[in-house]
């Protein structure tokens, strides 16, 4: 079995894991134990990563290197597991 986190590109796993672990350890545990995230987990990841991204913007609203890494990790996650609209 390949977990949600293991399914992400190697370049983004560390930042993804760090951000999610810092904000919601239970969510990270769930993502490390299953192959596909639920819709609720997808929304939670998007909210956590988006909020963290916003904390890594320069005064000119350009992202820092960390912000770009977070954005890229979120993008990879959402490309793999898009959030379907009701």
N, C-alpha and C. Protein backbone atom coordinates (compact mmCIF):
# COMPACT_ATOMS: atom_id res chain seq x y z
N UNK A 1 0.84 -1.18 0.00
CA UNK A 1 0.00 0.00 0.00
C UNK A 1 0.89 1.25 0.00
N UNK A 2 0.52 2.19 -0.83
CA UNK A 2 1.20 3.48 -0.87
C UNK A 2 0.28 4.50 -0.18
N UNK A 3 0.80 5.16 0.82
CA UNK A 3 -0.02 6.12 1.57
C UNK A 3 -0.18 7.43 0.80
N UNK A 4 -1.09 8.25 1.28
CA UNK A 4 -1.29 9.57 0.67
C UNK A 4 0.02 10.33 0.62
N UNK A 5 0.73 10.39 1.73
CA UNK A 5 1.99 11.15 1.78
C UNK A 5 3.03 10.54 0.84
N UNK A 6 3.13 9.22 0.81
CA UNK A 6 4.09 8.56 -0.07
C UNK A 6 3.75 8.78 -1.55
N UNK A 7 2.50 9.07 -1.86
CA UNK A 7 2.08 9.29 -3.24
C UNK A 7 2.48 10.66 -3.77
N UNK A 8 2.82 11.58 -2.86
CA UNK A 8 3.26 12.91 -3.29
C UNK A 8 4.66 12.84 -3.87
N UNK A 9 5.00 13.73 -4.80
CA UNK A 9 6.37 13.75 -5.30
C UNK A 9 7.36 13.93 -4.14
N UNK A 10 8.46 13.25 -4.22
CA UNK A 10 9.47 13.26 -3.17
C UNK A 10 9.87 14.68 -2.77
N UNK A 11 9.96 15.57 -3.72
CA UNK A 11 10.40 16.94 -3.45
C UNK A 11 9.46 17.69 -2.52
N UNK A 12 8.20 17.25 -2.41
CA UNK A 12 7.21 17.99 -1.62
C UNK A 12 6.82 17.30 -0.32
N UNK A 13 7.24 16.08 -0.13
CA UNK A 13 6.82 15.31 1.06
C UNK A 13 7.23 15.95 2.37
N UNK A 14 8.46 16.43 2.46
CA UNK A 14 8.96 16.96 3.73
C UNK A 14 8.18 18.19 4.15
N UNK A 15 8.00 19.16 3.25
CA UNK A 15 7.28 20.37 3.62
C UNK A 15 5.82 20.06 3.91
N UNK A 16 5.23 19.17 3.13
CA UNK A 16 3.84 18.77 3.36
C UNK A 16 3.70 18.17 4.76
N UNK A 17 4.57 17.24 5.08
CA UNK A 17 4.53 16.56 6.38
C UNK A 17 4.76 17.55 7.52
N UNK A 18 5.72 18.44 7.37
CA UNK A 18 6.01 19.42 8.43
C UNK A 18 4.82 20.32 8.71
N UNK A 19 4.22 20.85 7.66
CA UNK A 19 3.10 21.78 7.84
C UNK A 19 1.89 21.07 8.45
N UNK A 20 1.53 19.92 7.91
CA UNK A 20 0.35 19.22 8.41
C UNK A 20 0.60 18.73 9.84
N UNK A 21 1.78 18.22 10.14
CA UNK A 21 2.10 17.74 11.49
C UNK A 21 2.00 18.87 12.51
N UNK A 22 2.44 20.05 12.12
CA UNK A 22 2.42 21.20 13.02
C UNK A 22 1.00 21.67 13.33
N UNK A 23 0.11 21.54 12.37
CA UNK A 23 -1.25 22.08 12.52
C UNK A 23 -2.29 21.03 12.92
N UNK A 24 -2.10 19.76 12.51
CA UNK A 24 -3.11 18.74 12.80
C UNK A 24 -2.46 17.35 12.73
N UNK A 25 -1.90 16.93 13.86
CA UNK A 25 -1.20 15.64 13.91
C UNK A 25 -2.12 14.47 13.60
N UNK A 26 -3.39 14.57 13.98
CA UNK A 26 -4.34 13.48 13.68
C UNK A 26 -4.57 13.36 12.18
N UNK A 27 -4.66 14.49 11.51
CA UNK A 27 -4.82 14.47 10.05
C UNK A 27 -3.60 13.83 9.41
N UNK A 28 -2.42 14.20 9.84
CA UNK A 28 -1.21 13.59 9.27
C UNK A 28 -1.21 12.09 9.50
N UNK A 29 -1.58 11.65 10.70
CA UNK A 29 -1.63 10.21 10.99
C UNK A 29 -2.58 9.50 10.02
N UNK A 30 -3.71 10.13 9.76
CA UNK A 30 -4.66 9.53 8.82
C UNK A 30 -4.08 9.45 7.42
N UNK A 31 -3.40 10.49 6.99
CA UNK A 31 -2.81 10.52 5.65
C UNK A 31 -1.64 9.56 5.51
N UNK A 32 -1.05 9.19 6.63
CA UNK A 32 0.04 8.20 6.62
C UNK A 32 -0.47 6.77 6.74
N UNK A 33 -1.79 6.62 6.85
CA UNK A 33 -2.33 5.27 7.06
C UNK A 33 -3.30 4.83 5.97
N UNK A 34 -3.52 5.66 4.97
CA UNK A 34 -4.45 5.26 3.90
C UNK A 34 -3.95 5.71 2.54
N UNK A 35 -4.58 5.13 1.52
CA UNK A 35 -4.16 5.40 0.15
C UNK A 35 -4.82 6.63 -0.46
N UNK A 36 -6.02 6.96 0.00
CA UNK A 36 -6.79 8.06 -0.58
C UNK A 36 -7.41 8.89 0.54
N UNK A 37 -7.25 10.20 0.50
CA UNK A 37 -7.87 11.03 1.53
C UNK A 37 -9.36 11.23 1.27
N UNK A 38 -10.12 11.35 2.35
CA UNK A 38 -11.54 11.65 2.22
C UNK A 38 -11.71 13.09 1.73
N UNK A 39 -12.92 13.43 1.33
CA UNK A 39 -13.19 14.81 0.91
C UNK A 39 -12.89 15.76 2.06
N UNK A 40 -13.29 15.41 3.27
CA UNK A 40 -13.06 16.26 4.44
C UNK A 40 -11.56 16.46 4.69
N UNK A 41 -10.79 15.40 4.51
CA UNK A 41 -9.34 15.50 4.67
C UNK A 41 -8.72 16.37 3.58
N UNK A 42 -9.23 16.28 2.39
CA UNK A 42 -8.75 17.13 1.29
C UNK A 42 -8.99 18.60 1.60
N UNK A 43 -10.18 18.89 2.08
CA UNK A 43 -10.52 20.28 2.43
C UNK A 43 -9.63 20.75 3.58
N UNK A 44 -9.42 19.89 4.57
CA UNK A 44 -8.56 20.26 5.71
C UNK A 44 -7.14 20.55 5.24
N UNK A 45 -6.60 19.71 4.37
CA UNK A 45 -5.25 19.94 3.83
C UNK A 45 -5.21 21.27 3.09
N UNK A 46 -6.20 21.52 2.24
CA UNK A 46 -6.22 22.77 1.49
C UNK A 46 -6.25 23.97 2.44
N UNK A 47 -7.08 23.91 3.46
CA UNK A 47 -7.19 25.03 4.40
C UNK A 47 -5.89 25.25 5.17
N UNK A 48 -5.30 24.17 5.66
CA UNK A 48 -4.05 24.27 6.42
C UNK A 48 -2.92 24.80 5.55
N UNK A 49 -2.74 24.22 4.39
CA UNK A 49 -1.64 24.62 3.52
C UNK A 49 -1.83 26.04 2.98
N UNK A 50 -3.06 26.41 2.66
CA UNK A 50 -3.33 27.76 2.16
C UNK A 50 -3.04 28.81 3.23
N UNK A 51 -3.46 28.53 4.45
CA UNK A 51 -3.21 29.45 5.55
C UNK A 51 -1.71 29.59 5.80
N UNK A 52 -1.01 28.48 5.79
CA UNK A 52 0.43 28.52 6.01
C UNK A 52 1.13 29.27 4.87
N UNK A 53 0.68 29.06 3.64
CA UNK A 53 1.24 29.78 2.49
C UNK A 53 1.12 31.29 2.71
N UNK A 54 -0.04 31.73 3.19
CA UNK A 54 -0.28 33.16 3.40
C UNK A 54 0.69 33.77 4.40
N UNK A 55 1.22 32.95 5.30
CA UNK A 55 2.19 33.43 6.29
C UNK A 55 3.60 33.58 5.70
N UNK A 56 3.77 33.15 4.47
CA UNK A 56 5.09 33.18 3.84
C UNK A 56 5.09 34.03 2.58
N UNK A 57 4.45 35.19 2.69
CA UNK A 57 4.46 36.16 1.60
C UNK A 57 5.30 37.36 1.99
N UNK A 58 6.02 37.88 1.03
CA UNK A 58 6.80 39.10 1.25
C UNK A 58 5.86 40.30 1.22
N UNK A 59 6.36 41.48 1.59
CA UNK A 59 5.52 42.68 1.55
C UNK A 59 4.92 42.98 0.17
N UNK A 60 5.61 42.52 -0.89
CA UNK A 60 5.09 42.73 -2.24
C UNK A 60 4.15 41.60 -2.69
N UNK A 61 3.75 40.76 -1.74
CA UNK A 61 2.83 39.63 -1.96
C UNK A 61 3.44 38.50 -2.79
N UNK A 62 4.72 38.53 -3.02
CA UNK A 62 5.40 37.40 -3.66
C UNK A 62 5.76 36.40 -2.57
N UNK A 63 5.65 35.10 -2.85
CA UNK A 63 5.98 34.12 -1.82
C UNK A 63 7.49 34.01 -1.59
N UNK A 64 7.84 33.69 -0.36
CA UNK A 64 9.22 33.36 -0.04
C UNK A 64 9.51 31.97 -0.62
N UNK A 65 10.75 31.51 -0.49
CA UNK A 65 11.07 30.15 -0.95
C UNK A 65 10.19 29.13 -0.22
N UNK A 66 10.02 29.32 1.08
CA UNK A 66 9.16 28.41 1.86
C UNK A 66 7.72 28.48 1.35
N UNK A 67 7.25 29.67 1.05
CA UNK A 67 5.91 29.82 0.51
C UNK A 67 5.73 29.09 -0.81
N UNK A 68 6.73 29.18 -1.69
CA UNK A 68 6.68 28.46 -2.96
C UNK A 68 6.66 26.95 -2.73
N UNK A 69 7.44 26.48 -1.77
CA UNK A 69 7.45 25.05 -1.47
C UNK A 69 6.08 24.59 -0.97
N UNK A 70 5.48 25.38 -0.11
CA UNK A 70 4.15 25.03 0.42
C UNK A 70 3.13 25.04 -0.71
N UNK A 71 3.18 26.06 -1.56
CA UNK A 71 2.25 26.15 -2.68
C UNK A 71 2.42 24.97 -3.63
N UNK A 72 3.65 24.60 -3.92
CA UNK A 72 3.91 23.47 -4.80
C UNK A 72 3.42 22.15 -4.19
N UNK A 73 3.62 21.99 -2.88
CA UNK A 73 3.15 20.77 -2.21
C UNK A 73 1.63 20.70 -2.26
N UNK A 74 0.97 21.81 -1.99
CA UNK A 74 -0.49 21.84 -2.07
C UNK A 74 -0.96 21.56 -3.49
N UNK A 75 -0.32 22.16 -4.46
CA UNK A 75 -0.68 21.92 -5.85
C UNK A 75 -0.55 20.46 -6.24
N UNK A 76 0.52 19.83 -5.82
CA UNK A 76 0.72 18.40 -6.12
C UNK A 76 -0.37 17.56 -5.46
N UNK A 77 -0.71 17.91 -4.23
CA UNK A 77 -1.76 17.19 -3.51
C UNK A 77 -3.10 17.33 -4.24
N UNK A 78 -3.46 18.55 -4.61
CA UNK A 78 -4.76 18.78 -5.24
C UNK A 78 -4.83 18.26 -6.67
N UNK A 79 -3.70 18.19 -7.35
CA UNK A 79 -3.71 17.56 -8.67
C UNK A 79 -4.00 16.07 -8.56
N UNK A 80 -3.45 15.46 -7.52
CA UNK A 80 -3.65 14.02 -7.30
C UNK A 80 -5.04 13.73 -6.75
N UNK A 81 -5.50 14.59 -5.83
CA UNK A 81 -6.80 14.38 -5.18
C UNK A 81 -7.60 15.68 -5.20
N UNK A 82 -8.20 16.01 -6.32
CA UNK A 82 -8.99 17.24 -6.40
C UNK A 82 -10.18 17.20 -5.45
N UNK A 83 -10.67 18.37 -5.10
CA UNK A 83 -11.84 18.46 -4.24
C UNK A 83 -13.06 18.63 -5.16
N UNK A 84 -13.90 17.63 -5.15
CA UNK A 84 -15.09 17.66 -6.00
C UNK A 84 -16.10 18.63 -5.39
N UNK A 85 -16.82 19.33 -6.25
CA UNK A 85 -17.86 20.24 -5.80
C UNK A 85 -19.17 19.46 -5.73
N UNK A 86 -19.97 19.81 -4.76
CA UNK A 86 -21.26 19.13 -4.59
C UNK A 86 -22.23 19.53 -5.67
